[in-house]
């Protein structure tokens, strides 16, 4: 995924409306603090990615780690 296709403002607004609609259809009474913090981290990362639009080859970055985990799991 080199670069990727980033959503434009219209697509982001549509996603936001869909999220708000889903939240009003099924309201959450309480949310764990850890979930809120993870949400903040992902929102911050999303903003940075949208601003800088890095060209990241996720396969090259992730595959060595997945291969190591798969090898370790197969040896158990």
C-alpha atoms as a PDB file:
ATOM      1  CA  UNK A   1       0.000   0.000   0.000  1.00  0.00           C
ATOM      2  CA  UNK A   2       2.353   2.655  -1.156  1.00  0.00           C
ATOM      3  CA  UNK A   3       0.751   6.023  -0.483  1.00  0.00           C
ATOM      4  CA  UNK A   4      -2.813   4.752  -0.702  1.00  0.00           C
ATOM      5  CA  UNK A   5      -6.028   6.530  -1.584  1.00  0.00           C
ATOM      6  CA  UNK A   6      -6.896   8.951   1.191  1.00  0.00           C
ATOM      7  CA  UNK A   7     -10.536   9.973   1.789  1.00  0.00           C
ATOM      8  CA  UNK A   8     -11.556  13.502   0.891  1.00  0.00           C
ATOM      9  CA  UNK A   9     -13.615  15.827   3.084  1.00  0.00           C
ATOM     10  CA  UNK A  10     -16.943  14.612   1.678  1.00  0.00           C
ATOM     11  CA  UNK A  11     -16.106  10.962   2.409  1.00  0.00           C
ATOM     12  CA  UNK A  12     -14.944  11.806   5.939  1.00  0.00           C
ATOM     13  CA  UNK A  13     -18.153  13.734   6.609  1.00  0.00           C
ATOM     14  CA  UNK A  14     -20.250  10.812   5.331  1.00  0.00           C
ATOM     15  CA  UNK A  15     -18.369   8.418   7.602  1.00  0.00           C
ATOM     16  CA  UNK A  16     -18.865  10.779  10.542  1.00  0.00           C
ATOM     17  CA  UNK A  17     -22.618  10.997   9.885  1.00  0.00           C
ATOM     18  CA  UNK A  18     -22.839   7.194   9.653  1.00  0.00           C
ATOM     19  CA  UNK A  19     -20.957   6.849  12.944  1.00  0.00           C
ATOM     20  CA  UNK A  20     -23.216   9.358  14.718  1.00  0.00           C
ATOM     21  CA  UNK A  21     -26.294   7.619  13.329  1.00  0.00           C
ATOM     22  CA  UNK A  22     -25.066   4.239  14.570  1.00  0.00           C
ATOM     23  CA  UNK A  23     -24.283   5.731  17.990  1.00  0.00           C
ATOM     24  CA  UNK A  24     -27.781   7.189  18.329  1.00  0.00           C
ATOM     25  CA  UNK A  25     -29.382   3.898  17.221  1.00  0.00           C
ATOM     26  CA  UNK A  26     -27.444   1.906  19.859  1.00  0.00           C
ATOM     27  CA  UNK A  27     -26.244   4.259  22.625  1.00  0.00           C
ATOM     28  CA  UNK A  28     -23.420   3.172  24.926  1.00  0.00           C
ATOM     29  CA  UNK A  29     -24.027   3.848  28.620  1.00  0.00           C
ATOM     30  CA  UNK A  30     -20.424   3.527  29.841  1.00  0.00           C
ATOM     31  CA  UNK A  31     -17.052   3.228  28.155  1.00  0.00           C
ATOM     32  CA  UNK A  32     -13.789   1.987  29.730  1.00  0.00           C
ATOM     33  CA  UNK A  33     -11.059   4.615  30.086  1.00  0.00           C
ATOM     34  CA  UNK A  34      -8.614   2.373  28.206  1.00  0.00           C
ATOM     35  CA  UNK A  35     -10.921   2.352  25.189  1.00  0.00           C
ATOM     36  CA  UNK A  36     -11.079   6.147  25.245  1.00  0.00           C
ATOM     37  CA  UNK A  37      -7.276   6.408  25.339  1.00  0.00           C
ATOM     38  CA  UNK A  38      -6.875   3.952  22.457  1.00  0.00           C
ATOM     39  CA  UNK A  39      -9.409   6.003  20.502  1.00  0.00           C
ATOM     40  CA  UNK A  40      -7.390   9.162  21.162  1.00  0.00           C
ATOM     41  CA  UNK A  41      -4.208   7.476  19.958  1.00  0.00           C
ATOM     42  CA  UNK A  42      -5.835   6.291  16.728  1.00  0.00           C
ATOM     43  CA  UNK A  43      -7.424   9.703  16.147  1.00  0.00           C
ATOM     44  CA  UNK A  44      -4.034  11.392  16.596  1.00  0.00           C
ATOM     45  CA  UNK A  45      -2.328   8.930  14.269  1.00  0.00           C
ATOM     46  CA  UNK A  46      -5.113   9.318  11.719  1.00  0.00           C
ATOM     47  CA  UNK A  47      -4.688  13.080  11.752  1.00  0.00           C
ATOM     48  CA  UNK A  48      -0.940  12.791  11.270  1.00  0.00           C
ATOM     49  CA  UNK A  49      -1.364  10.337   8.401  1.00  0.00           C
ATOM     50  CA  UNK A  50      -3.955  12.558   6.708  1.00  0.00           C
ATOM     51  CA  UNK A  51      -1.717  15.605   7.073  1.00  0.00           C
ATOM     52  CA  UNK A  52       1.602  14.105   5.960  1.00  0.00           C
ATOM     53  CA  UNK A  53       0.280  11.264   3.733  1.00  0.00           C
ATOM     54  CA  UNK A  54       3.383   9.069   4.091  1.00  0.00           C
ATOM     55  CA  UNK A  55       4.236   6.419   1.543  1.00  0.00           C
ATOM     56  CA  UNK A  56       4.517   3.307   3.690  1.00  0.00           C
ATOM     57  CA  UNK A  57       4.934  -0.210   2.389  1.00  0.00           C
ATOM     58  CA  UNK A  58       2.990  -1.987   5.140  1.00  0.00           C
ATOM     59  CA  UNK A  59       3.803  -5.427   3.771  1.00  0.00           C
ATOM     60  CA  UNK A  60       7.536  -4.803   4.009  1.00  0.00           C
ATOM     61  CA  UNK A  61       7.154  -3.342   7.497  1.00  0.00           C
ATOM     62  CA  UNK A  62       4.840  -5.996   8.958  1.00  0.00           C
ATOM     63  CA  UNK A  63       5.657  -9.272   7.194  1.00  0.00           C
ATOM     64  CA  UNK A  64       8.973  -9.973   9.005  1.00  0.00           C
ATOM     65  CA  UNK A  65       7.191  -9.687  12.358  1.00  0.00           C
ATOM     66  CA  UNK A  66       4.292 -11.872  11.226  1.00  0.00           C
ATOM     67  CA  UNK A  67       6.734 -14.463   9.884  1.00  0.00           C
ATOM     68  CA  UNK A  68       8.552 -14.529  13.229  1.00  0.00           C
ATOM     69  CA  UNK A  69       5.274 -14.965  15.121  1.00  0.00           C
ATOM     70  CA  UNK A  70       4.139 -17.716  12.748  1.00  0.00           C
ATOM     71  CA  UNK A  71       7.463 -19.535  13.143  1.00  0.00           C
ATOM     72  CA  UNK A  72       7.293 -19.300  16.937  1.00  0.00           C
ATOM     73  CA  UNK A  73       3.689 -20.543  16.947  1.00  0.00           C
ATOM     74  CA  UNK A  74       4.550 -23.501  14.714  1.00  0.00           C
ATOM     75  CA  UNK A  75       7.367 -24.576  17.056  1.00  0.00           C
ATOM     76  CA  UNK A  76       5.076 -24.821  20.106  1.00  0.00           C
END
